[in-house]
Amino acid sequence: MDDAARQQYWRRNLRLMAVLLTIWALVSFGAGILFVEPLNKIVVAGFPLGFWFSQQGAILTFVAIIAVYVWRMDKLDAEFGVEEYEQEVHHS
């Protein structure tokens, strides 16, 4: 891969990370702190929705973001010919 392709690959990787981390920050900070009062007026399974977002929602969002990142990076790696290969290790 030449330098121009490397720079484009890295730029797209950084853009993907920035978008996904922004989503996580908005969900964690927004739903867990900024909008907690209006969300707490809604009750789900006996718990206020604001509490649910700050406890489980942020974690589930983070796990989903990891899955999206892996999926998108696999596509980006294939597009740029950067693929991981399993290598067998032979011990003598």
PDB file of N, CA and C in Angstrom:
ATOM      1  N   MET A   1       0.859  -1.162   0.000  1.00  0.00           N
ATOM      2  CA  MET A   1       0.000   0.000   0.000  1.00  0.00           C
ATOM      3  C   MET A   1       0.913   1.234   0.000  1.00  0.00           C
ATOM      4  N   ASP A   2       0.624   2.162  -0.879  1.00  0.00           N
ATOM      5  CA  ASP A   2       1.440   3.378  -0.955  1.00  0.00           C
ATOM      6  C   ASP A   2       1.010   4.381   0.132  1.00  0.00           C
ATOM      7  N   ASP A   3       1.764   5.474   0.247  1.00  0.00           N
ATOM      8  CA  ASP A   3       1.514   6.454   1.306  1.00  0.00           C
ATOM      9  C   ASP A   3       0.147   7.122   1.184  1.00  0.00           C
ATOM     10  N   ALA A   4      -0.291   7.426  -0.031  1.00  0.00           N
ATOM     11  CA  ALA A   4      -1.598   8.071  -0.222  1.00  0.00           C
ATOM     12  C   ALA A   4      -2.725   7.149   0.243  1.00  0.00           C
ATOM     13  N   ALA A   5      -2.622   5.871  -0.094  1.00  0.00           N
ATOM     14  CA  ALA A   5      -3.639   4.904   0.324  1.00  0.00           C
ATOM     15  C   ALA A   5      -3.613   4.734   1.841  1.00  0.00           C
ATOM     16  N   ARG A   6      -2.422   4.719   2.438  1.00  0.00           N
ATOM     17  CA  ARG A   6      -2.304   4.608   3.894  1.00  0.00           C
ATOM     18  C   ARG A   6      -2.965   5.796   4.591  1.00  0.00           C
ATOM     19  N   GLN A   7      -2.726   6.976   4.048  1.00  0.00           N
ATOM     20  CA  GLN A   7      -3.332   8.171   4.645  1.00  0.00           C
ATOM     21  C   GLN A   7      -4.849   8.154   4.516  1.00  0.00           C
ATOM     22  N   GLN A   8      -5.348   7.721   3.378  1.00  0.00           N
ATOM     23  CA  GLN A   8      -6.803   7.638   3.190  1.00  0.00           C
ATOM     24  C   GLN A   8      -7.403   6.589   4.127  1.00  0.00           C
ATOM     25  N   TYR A   9      -6.746   5.453   4.257  1.00  0.00           N
ATOM     26  CA  TYR A   9      -7.191   4.385   5.156  1.00  0.00           C
ATOM     27  C   TYR A   9      -7.260   4.914   6.592  1.00  0.00           C
ATOM     28  N   TRP A  10      -6.186   5.582   7.022  1.00  0.00           N
ATOM     29  CA  TRP A  10      -6.139   6.085   8.385  1.00  0.00           C
ATOM     30  C   TRP A  10      -7.178   7.185   8.605  1.00  0.00           C
ATOM     31  N   ARG A  11      -7.367   8.059   7.621  1.00  0.00           N
ATOM     32  CA  ARG A  11      -8.365   9.124   7.718  1.00  0.00           C
ATOM     33  C   ARG A  11      -9.768   8.536   7.881  1.00  0.00           C
ATOM     34  N   ARG A  12     -10.086   7.519   7.110  1.00  0.00           N
ATOM     35  CA  ARG A  12     -11.418   6.898   7.202  1.00  0.00           C
ATOM     36  C   ARG A  12     -11.596   6.169   8.529  1.00  0.00           C
ATOM     37  N   ASN A  13     -10.516   5.556   9.017  1.00  0.00           N
ATOM     38  CA  ASN A  13     -10.561   4.895  10.315  1.00  0.00           C
ATOM     39  C   ASN A  13     -10.823   5.925  11.419  1.00  0.00           C
ATOM     40  N   LEU A  14     -10.119   7.047  11.387  1.00  0.00           N
ATOM     41  CA  LEU A  14     -10.326   8.095  12.395  1.00  0.00           C
ATOM     42  C   LEU A  14     -11.724   8.687  12.324  1.00  0.00           C
ATOM     43  N   ARG A  15     -12.246   8.868  11.113  1.00  0.00           N
ATOM     44  CA  ARG A  15     -13.603   9.403  10.959  1.00  0.00           C
ATOM     45  C   ARG A  15     -14.622   8.439  11.569  1.00  0.00           C
ATOM     46  N   LEU A  16     -14.450   7.153  11.307  1.00  0.00           N
ATOM     47  CA  LEU A  16     -15.353   6.148  11.874  1.00  0.00           C
ATOM     48  C   LEU A  16     -15.291   6.177  13.398  1.00  0.00           C
ATOM     49  N   MET A  17     -14.088   6.225  13.951  1.00  0.00           N
ATOM     50  CA  MET A  17     -13.949   6.278  15.414  1.00  0.00           C
ATOM     51  C   MET A  17     -14.585   7.536  15.980  1.00  0.00           C
ATOM     52  N   ALA A  18     -14.396   8.671  15.319  1.00  0.00           N
ATOM     53  CA  ALA A  18     -14.965   9.931  15.803  1.00  0.00           C
ATOM     54  C   ALA A  18     -16.495   9.877  15.818  1.00  0.00           C
ATOM     55  N   VAL A  19     -17.085   9.338  14.773  1.00  0.00           N
ATOM     56  CA  VAL A  19     -18.542   9.238  14.705  1.00  0.00           C
ATOM     57  C   VAL A  19     -19.067   8.315  15.807  1.00  0.00           C
ATOM     58  N   LEU A  20     -18.446   7.153  15.956  1.00  0.00           N
ATOM     59  CA  LEU A  20     -18.918   6.184  16.948  1.00  0.00           C
ATOM     60  C   LEU A  20     -18.718   6.695  18.378  1.00  0.00           C
ATOM     61  N   LEU A  21     -17.595   7.344  18.654  1.00  0.00           N
ATOM     62  CA  LEU A  21     -17.371   7.883  19.994  1.00  0.00           C
ATOM     63  C   LEU A  21     -18.305   9.052  20.290  1.00  0.00           C
ATOM     64  N   THR A  22     -18.660   9.823  19.268  1.00  0.00           N
ATOM     65  CA  THR A  22     -19.625  10.910  19.452  1.00  0.00           C
ATOM     66  C   THR A  22     -20.995  10.349  19.816  1.00  0.00           C
ATOM     67  N   ILE A  23     -21.392   9.282  19.135  1.00  0.00           N
ATOM     68  CA  ILE A  23     -22.672   8.634  19.460  1.00  0.00           C
ATOM     69  C   ILE A  23     -22.660   8.138  20.897  1.00  0.00           C
ATOM     70  N   TRP A  24     -21.569   7.494  21.298  1.00  0.00           N
ATOM     71  CA  TRP A  24     -21.470   6.978  22.665  1.00  0.00           C
ATOM     72  C   TRP A  24     -21.528   8.123  23.683  1.00  0.00           C
ATOM     73  N   ALA A  25     -20.817   9.210  23.403  1.00  0.00           N
ATOM     74  CA  ALA A  25     -20.815  10.350  24.322  1.00  0.00           C
ATOM     75  C   ALA A  25     -22.213  10.959  24.439  1.00  0.00           C
ATOM     76  N   LEU A  26     -22.898  11.077  23.309  1.00  0.00           N
ATOM     77  CA  LEU A  26     -24.250  11.641  23.341  1.00  0.00           C
ATOM     78  C   LEU A  26     -25.198  10.759  24.141  1.00  0.00           C
ATOM     79  N   VAL A  27     -25.099   9.458  23.953  1.00  0.00           N
ATOM     80  CA  VAL A  27     -25.976   8.548  24.696  1.00  0.00           C
ATOM     81  C   VAL A  27     -25.617   8.562  26.180  1.00  0.00           C
ATOM     82  N   SER A  28     -24.327   8.456  26.498  1.00  0.00           N
ATOM     83  CA  SER A  28     -23.905   8.396  27.898  1.00  0.00           C
ATOM     84  C   SER A  28     -24.173   9.711  28.627  1.00  0.00           C
ATOM     85  N   PHE A  29     -23.690  10.801  28.060  1.00  0.00           N
ATOM     86  CA  PHE A  29     -23.811  12.099  28.712  1.00  0.00           C
ATOM     87  C   PHE A  29     -25.220  12.669  28.561  1.00  0.00           C
ATOM     88  N   GLY A  30     -25.736  12.578  27.349  1.00  0.00           N
ATOM     89  CA  GLY A  30     -27.054  13.155  27.085  1.00  0.00           C
ATOM     90  C   GLY A  30     -28.160  12.451  27.833  1.00  0.00           C
ATOM     91  N   ALA A  31     -28.290  11.164  27.611  1.00  0.00           N
ATOM     92  CA  ALA A  31     -29.397  10.421  28.218  1.00  0.00           C
ATOM     93  C   ALA A  31     -29.161  10.172  29.705  1.00  0.00           C
ATOM     94  N   GLY A  32     -27.904  10.014  30.108  1.00  0.00           N
ATOM     95  CA  GLY A  32     -27.613   9.705  31.502  1.00  0.00           C
ATOM     96  C   GLY A  32     -27.527  10.920  32.406  1.00  0.00           C
ATOM     97  N   ILE A  33     -27.255  12.109  31.846  1.00  0.00           N
ATOM     98  CA  ILE A  33     -27.070  13.293  32.687  1.00  0.00           C
ATOM     99  C   ILE A  33     -27.996  14.439  32.273  1.00  0.00           C
ATOM    100  N   LEU A  34     -27.907  14.867  31.026  1.00  0.00           N
ATOM    101  CA  LEU A  34     -28.656  16.053  30.597  1.00  0.00           C
ATOM    102  C   LEU A  34     -30.167  15.849  30.572  1.00  0.00           C
ATOM    103  N   PHE A  35     -30.603  14.719  30.056  1.00  0.00           N
ATOM    104  CA  PHE A  35     -32.036  14.485  29.891  1.00  0.00           C
ATOM    105  C   PHE A  35     -32.602  13.513  30.920  1.00  0.00           C
ATOM    106  N   VAL A  36     -31.895  13.353  32.043  1.00  0.00           N
ATOM    107  CA  VAL A  36     -32.315  12.354  33.013  1.00  0.00           C
ATOM    108  C   VAL A  36     -33.665  12.703  33.656  1.00  0.00           C
ATOM    109  N   GLU A  37     -33.927  13.965  33.917  1.00  0.00           N
ATOM    110  CA  GLU A  37     -35.195  14.340  34.563  1.00  0.00           C
ATOM    111  C   GLU A  37     -36.408  14.011  33.689  1.00  0.00           C
ATOM    112  N   PRO A  38     -36.432  14.446  32.409  1.00  0.00           N
ATOM    113  CA  PRO A  38     -37.593  14.068  31.595  1.00  0.00           C
ATOM    114  C   PRO A  38     -37.689  12.555  31.373  1.00  0.00           C
ATOM    115  N   LEU A  39     -36.528  11.896  31.251  1.00  0.00           N
ATOM    116  CA  LEU A  39     -36.551  10.445  31.044  1.00  0.00           C
ATOM    117  C   LEU A  39     -37.033   9.705  32.289  1.00  0.00           C
ATOM    118  N   ASN A  40     -36.765  10.246  33.467  1.00  0.00           N
ATOM    119  CA  ASN A  40     -37.181   9.582  34.700  1.00  0.00           C
ATOM    120  C   ASN A  40     -38.692   9.577  34.884  1.00  0.00           C
ATOM    121  N   LYS A  41     -39.409  10.391  34.131  1.00  0.00           N
ATOM    122  CA  LYS A  41     -40.870  10.387  34.199  1.00  0.00           C
ATOM    123  C   LYS A  41     -41.455   9.147  33.528  1.00  0.00           C
ATOM    124  N   ILE A  42     -40.631   8.463  32.730  1.00  0.00           N
ATOM    125  CA  ILE A  42     -41.045   7.225  32.064  1.00  0.00           C
ATOM    126  C   ILE A  42     -40.466   6.059  32.854  1.00  0.00           C
ATOM    127  N   VAL A  43     -41.297   5.107  33.212  1.00  0.00           N
ATOM    128  CA  VAL A  43     -40.856   3.962  34.011  1.00  0.00           C
ATOM    129  C   VAL A  43     -40.904   2.711  33.147  1.00  0.00           C
ATOM    130  N   VAL A  44     -39.781   1.967  33.150  1.00  0.00           N
ATOM    131  CA  VAL A  44     -39.681   0.712  32.403  1.00  0.00           C
ATOM    132  C   VAL A  44     -39.278  -0.385  33.381  1.00  0.00           C
ATOM    133  N   ALA A  45     -40.096  -1.408  33.496  1.00  0.00           N
ATOM    134  CA  ALA A  45     -39.842  -2.550  34.387  1.00  0.00           C
ATOM    135  C   ALA A  45     -39.576  -2.090  35.824  1.00  0.00           C
ATOM    136  N   GLY A  46     -40.278  -1.044  36.251  1.00  0.00           N
ATOM    137  CA  GLY A  46     -40.144  -0.563  37.613  1.00  0.00           C
ATOM    138  C   GLY A  46     -39.003   0.411  37.848  1.00  0.00           C
ATOM    139  N   PHE A  47     -38.223   0.710  36.821  1.00  0.00           N
ATOM    140  CA  PHE A  47     -37.098   1.637  36.974  1.00  0.00           C
ATOM    141  C   PHE A  47     -37.313   2.855  36.092  1.00  0.00           C
ATOM    142  N   PRO A  48     -36.912   4.030  36.563  1.00  0.00           N
ATOM    143  CA  PRO A  48     -37.009   5.221  35.721  1.00  0.00           C
ATOM    144  C   PRO A  48     -36.112   5.069  34.490  1.00  0.00           C
ATOM    145  N   LEU A  49     -36.579   5.540  33.346  1.00  0.00           N
ATOM    146  CA  LEU A  49     -35.837   5.376  32.093  1.00  0.00           C
ATOM    147  C   LEU A  49     -34.479   6.070  32.141  1.00  0.00           C
ATOM    148  N   GLY A  50     -34.372   7.198  32.843  1.00  0.00           N
ATOM    149  CA  GLY A  50     -33.081   7.881  32.978  1.00  0.00           C
ATOM    150  C   GLY A  50     -32.064   7.010  33.686  1.00  0.00           C
ATOM    151  N   PHE A  51     -32.495   6.320  34.736  1.00  0.00           N
ATOM    152  CA  PHE A  51     -31.614   5.390  35.445  1.00  0.00           C
ATOM    153  C   PHE A  51     -31.203   4.254  34.521  1.00  0.00           C
ATOM    154  N   TRP A  52     -32.169   3.725  33.762  1.00  0.00           N
ATOM    155  CA  TRP A  52     -31.868   2.622  32.856  1.00  0.00           C
ATOM    156  C   TRP A  52     -30.828   3.034  31.826  1.00  0.00           C
ATOM    157  N   PHE A  53     -30.981   4.229  31.239  1.00  0.00           N
ATOM    158  CA  PHE A  53     -30.018   4.705  30.242  1.00  0.00           C
ATOM    159  C   PHE A  53     -28.637   4.884  30.860  1.00  0.00           C
ATOM    160  N   SER A  54     -28.572   5.455  32.051  1.00  0.00           N
ATOM    161  CA  SER A  54     -27.257   5.703  32.638  1.00  0.00           C
ATOM    162  C   SER A  54     -26.585   4.419  33.098  1.00  0.00           C
ATOM    163  N   GLN A  55     -27.350   3.401  33.398  1.00  0.00           N
ATOM    164  CA  GLN A  55     -26.757   2.137  33.852  1.00  0.00           C
ATOM    165  C   GLN A  55     -26.561   1.151  32.699  1.00  0.00           C
ATOM    166  N   GLN A  56     -27.634   0.653  32.134  1.00  0.00           N
ATOM    167  CA  GLN A  56     -27.542  -0.364  31.101  1.00  0.00           C
ATOM    168  C   GLN A  56     -27.454   0.205  29.695  1.00  0.00           C
ATOM    169  N   GLY A  57     -28.133   1.293  29.437  1.00  0.00           N
ATOM    170  CA  GLY A  57     -28.190   1.842  28.078  1.00  0.00           C
ATOM    171  C   GLY A  57     -26.833   2.230  27.530  1.00  0.00           C
ATOM    172  N   ALA A  58     -26.019   2.878  28.350  1.00  0.00           N
ATOM    173  CA  ALA A  58     -24.687   3.289  27.903  1.00  0.00           C
ATOM    174  C   ALA A  58     -23.807   2.071  27.622  1.00  0.00           C
ATOM    175  N   ILE A  59     -23.915   1.060  28.451  1.00  0.00           N
ATOM    176  CA  ILE A  59     -23.117  -0.155  28.260  1.00  0.00           C
ATOM    177  C   ILE A  59     -23.557  -0.888  27.002  1.00  0.00           C
ATOM    178  N   LEU A  60     -24.855  -1.047  26.812  1.00  0.00           N
ATOM    179  CA  LEU A  60     -25.353  -1.734  25.612  1.00  0.00           C
ATOM    180  C   LEU A  60     -25.005  -0.952  24.353  1.00  0.00           C
ATOM    181  N   THR A  61     -25.069   0.377  24.437  1.00  0.00           N
ATOM    182  CA  THR A  61     -24.676   1.200  23.300  1.00  0.00           C
ATOM    183  C   THR A  61     -23.201   0.990  22.980  1.00  0.00           C
ATOM    184  N   PHE A  62     -22.358   0.931  24.003  1.00  0.00           N
ATOM    185  CA  PHE A  62     -20.928   0.723  23.804  1.00  0.00           C
ATOM    186  C   PHE A  62     -20.664  -0.630  23.145  1.00  0.00           C
ATOM    187  N   VAL A  63     -21.341  -1.681  23.580  1.00  0.00           N
ATOM    188  CA  VAL A  63     -21.171  -3.007  22.978  1.00  0.00           C
ATOM    189  C   VAL A  63     -21.613  -2.990  21.514  1.00  0.00           C
ATOM    190  N   ALA A  64     -22.722  -2.314  21.226  1.00  0.00           N
ATOM    191  CA  ALA A  64     -23.182  -2.202  19.836  1.00  0.00           C
ATOM    192  C   ALA A  64     -22.179  -1.423  18.992  1.00  0.00           C
ATOM    193  N   ILE A  65     -21.588  -0.375  19.560  1.00  0.00           N
ATOM    194  CA  ILE A  65     -20.594   0.415  18.836  1.00  0.00           C
ATOM    195  C   ILE A  65     -19.367  -0.429  18.520  1.00  0.00           C
ATOM    196  N   ILE A  66     -18.949  -1.273  19.444  1.00  0.00           N
ATOM    197  CA  ILE A  66     -17.813  -2.171  19.184  1.00  0.00           C
ATOM    198  C   ILE A  66     -18.133  -3.086  18.012  1.00  0.00           C
ATOM    199  N   ALA A  67     -19.340  -3.650  17.992  1.00  0.00           N
ATOM    200  CA  ALA A  67     -19.737  -4.541  16.899  1.00  0.00           C
ATOM    201  C   ALA A  67     -19.749  -3.796  15.570  1.00  0.00           C
ATOM    202  N   VAL A  68     -20.276  -2.584  15.554  1.00  0.00           N
ATOM    203  CA  VAL A  68     -20.307  -1.782  14.324  1.00  0.00           C
ATOM    204  C   VAL A  68     -18.888  -1.458  13.873  1.00  0.00           C
ATOM    205  N   TYR A  69     -18.011  -1.115  14.825  1.00  0.00           N
ATOM    206  CA  TYR A  69     -16.622  -0.792  14.481  1.00  0.00           C
ATOM    207  C   TYR A  69     -15.924  -1.991  13.849  1.00  0.00           C
ATOM    208  N   VAL A  70     -16.091  -3.166  14.423  1.00  0.00           N
ATOM    209  CA  VAL A  70     -15.470  -4.378  13.868  1.00  0.00           C
ATOM    210  C   VAL A  70     -15.995  -4.661  12.469  1.00  0.00           C
ATOM    211  N   TRP A  71     -17.301  -4.559  12.295  1.00  0.00           N
ATOM    212  CA  TRP A  71     -17.922  -4.818  10.989  1.00  0.00           C
ATOM    213  C   TRP A  71     -17.412  -3.834   9.936  1.00  0.00           C
ATOM    214  N   ARG A  72     -17.397  -2.522  10.278  1.00  0.00           N
ATOM    215  CA  ARG A  72     -16.949  -1.502   9.316  1.00  0.00           C
ATOM    216  C   ARG A  72     -15.454  -1.610   9.031  1.00  0.00           C
ATOM    217  N   MET A  73     -14.655  -1.938  10.031  1.00  0.00           N
ATOM    218  CA  MET A  73     -13.217  -2.059   9.818  1.00  0.00           C
ATOM    219  C   MET A  73     -12.894  -3.287   8.965  1.00  0.00           C
ATOM    220  N   ASP A  74     -13.645  -4.356   9.113  1.00  0.00           N
ATOM    221  CA  ASP A  74     -13.451  -5.513   8.232  1.00  0.00           C
ATOM    222  C   ASP A  74     -13.698  -5.125   6.781  1.00  0.00           C
ATOM    223  N   LYS A  75     -14.755  -4.326   6.555  1.00  0.00           N
ATOM    224  CA  LYS A  75     -15.034  -3.856   5.193  1.00  0.00           C
ATOM    225  C   LYS A  75     -13.934  -2.928   4.690  1.00  0.00           C
ATOM    226  N   LEU A  76     -13.465  -2.024   5.540  1.00  0.00           N
ATOM    227  CA  LEU A  76     -12.407  -1.097   5.165  1.00  0.00           C
ATOM    228  C   LEU A  76     -11.099  -1.841   4.896  1.00  0.00           C
ATOM    229  N   ASP A  77     -10.781  -2.820   5.732  1.00  0.00           N
ATOM    230  CA  ASP A  77      -9.582  -3.633   5.517  1.00  0.00           C
ATOM    231  C   ASP A  77      -9.646  -4.364   4.181  1.00  0.00           C
ATOM    232  N   ALA A  78     -10.791  -4.927   3.859  1.00  0.00           N
ATOM    233  CA  ALA A  78     -10.949  -5.644   2.592  1.00  0.00           C
ATOM    234  C   ALA A  78     -10.832  -4.676   1.409  1.00  0.00           C
ATOM    235  N   GLU A  79     -11.385  -3.475   1.564  1.00  0.00           N
ATOM    236  CA  GLU A  79     -11.320  -2.487   0.490  1.00  0.00           C
ATOM    237  C   GLU A  79      -9.881  -2.065   0.197  1.00  0.00           C
ATOM    238  N   PHE A  80      -9.059  -1.956   1.242  1.00  0.00           N
ATOM    239  CA  PHE A  80      -7.688  -1.506   1.067  1.00  0.00           C
ATOM    240  C   PHE A  80      -6.686  -2.662   1.004  1.00  0.00           C
ATOM    241  N   GLY A  81      -7.175  -3.891   1.051  1.00  0.00           N
ATOM    242  CA  GLY A  81      -6.286  -5.040   0.949  1.00  0.00           C
ATOM    243  C   GLY A  81      -5.461  -5.285   2.199  1.00  0.00           C
ATOM    244  N   VAL A  82      -5.959  -4.819   3.322  1.00  0.00           N
ATOM    245  CA  VAL A  82      -5.276  -5.040   4.596  1.00  0.00           C
ATOM    246  C   VAL A  82      -6.056  -6.138   5.307  1.00  0.00           C
ATOM    247  N   GLU A  83      -5.564  -7.342   5.229  1.00  0.00           N
ATOM    248  CA  GLU A  83      -6.304  -8.455   5.805  1.00  0.00           C
ATOM    249  C   GLU A  83      -5.427  -9.200   6.785  1.00  0.00           C
ATOM    250  N   GLU A  84      -6.060  -9.732   7.790  1.00  0.00           N
ATOM    251  CA  GLU A  84      -5.332 -10.513   8.779  1.00  0.00           C
ATOM    252  C   GLU A  84      -5.366 -11.975   8.369  1.00  0.00           C
ATOM    253  N   TYR A  85      -4.245 -12.613   8.511  1.00  0.00           N
ATOM    254  CA  TYR A  85      -4.147 -14.026   8.192  1.00  0.00           C
ATOM    255  C   TYR A  85      -3.716 -14.775   9.437  1.00  0.00           C
ATOM    256  N   GLU A  86      -4.328 -15.920   9.634  1.00  0.00           N
ATOM    257  CA  GLU A  86      -3.879 -16.777  10.741  1.00  0.00           C
ATOM    258  C   GLU A  86      -2.668 -17.542  10.265  1.00  0.00           C
ATOM    259  N   GLN A  87      -1.652 -17.552  11.076  1.00  0.00           N
ATOM    260  CA  GLN A  87      -0.438 -18.275  10.714  1.00  0.00           C
ATOM    261  C   GLN A  87      -0.260 -19.432  11.679  1.00  0.00           C
ATOM    262  N   GLU A  88       0.066 -20.565  11.115  1.00  0.00           N
ATOM    263  CA  GLU A  88       0.347 -21.705  11.959  1.00  0.00           C
ATOM    264  C   GLU A  88       1.770 -21.575  12.485  1.00  0.00           C
ATOM    265  N   VAL A  89       1.912 -21.910  13.721  1.00  0.00           N
ATOM    266  CA  VAL A  89       3.234 -21.885  14.323  1.00  0.00           C
ATOM    267  C   VAL A  89       3.663 -23.332  14.485  1.00  0.00           C
ATOM    268  N   HIS A  90       4.792 -23.668  13.886  1.00  0.00           N
ATOM    269  CA  HIS A  90       5.330 -25.022  13.971  1.00  0.00           C
ATOM    270  C   HIS A  90       6.454 -25.030  14.976  1.00  0.00           C
ATOM    271  N   HIS A  91       6.334 -25.886  15.947  1.00  0.00           N
ATOM    272  CA  HIS A  91       7.411 -26.036  16.949  1.00  0.00           C
ATOM    273  C   HIS A  91       8.188 -27.293  16.618  1.00  0.00           C
ATOM    274  N   SER A  92       9.498 -27.179  16.669  1.00  0.00           N
ATOM    275  CA  SER A  92      10.306 -28.368  16.398  1.00  0.00           C
ATOM    276  C   SER A  92      10.670 -29.072  17.646  1.00  0.00           C
TER     277      SER A  92
END
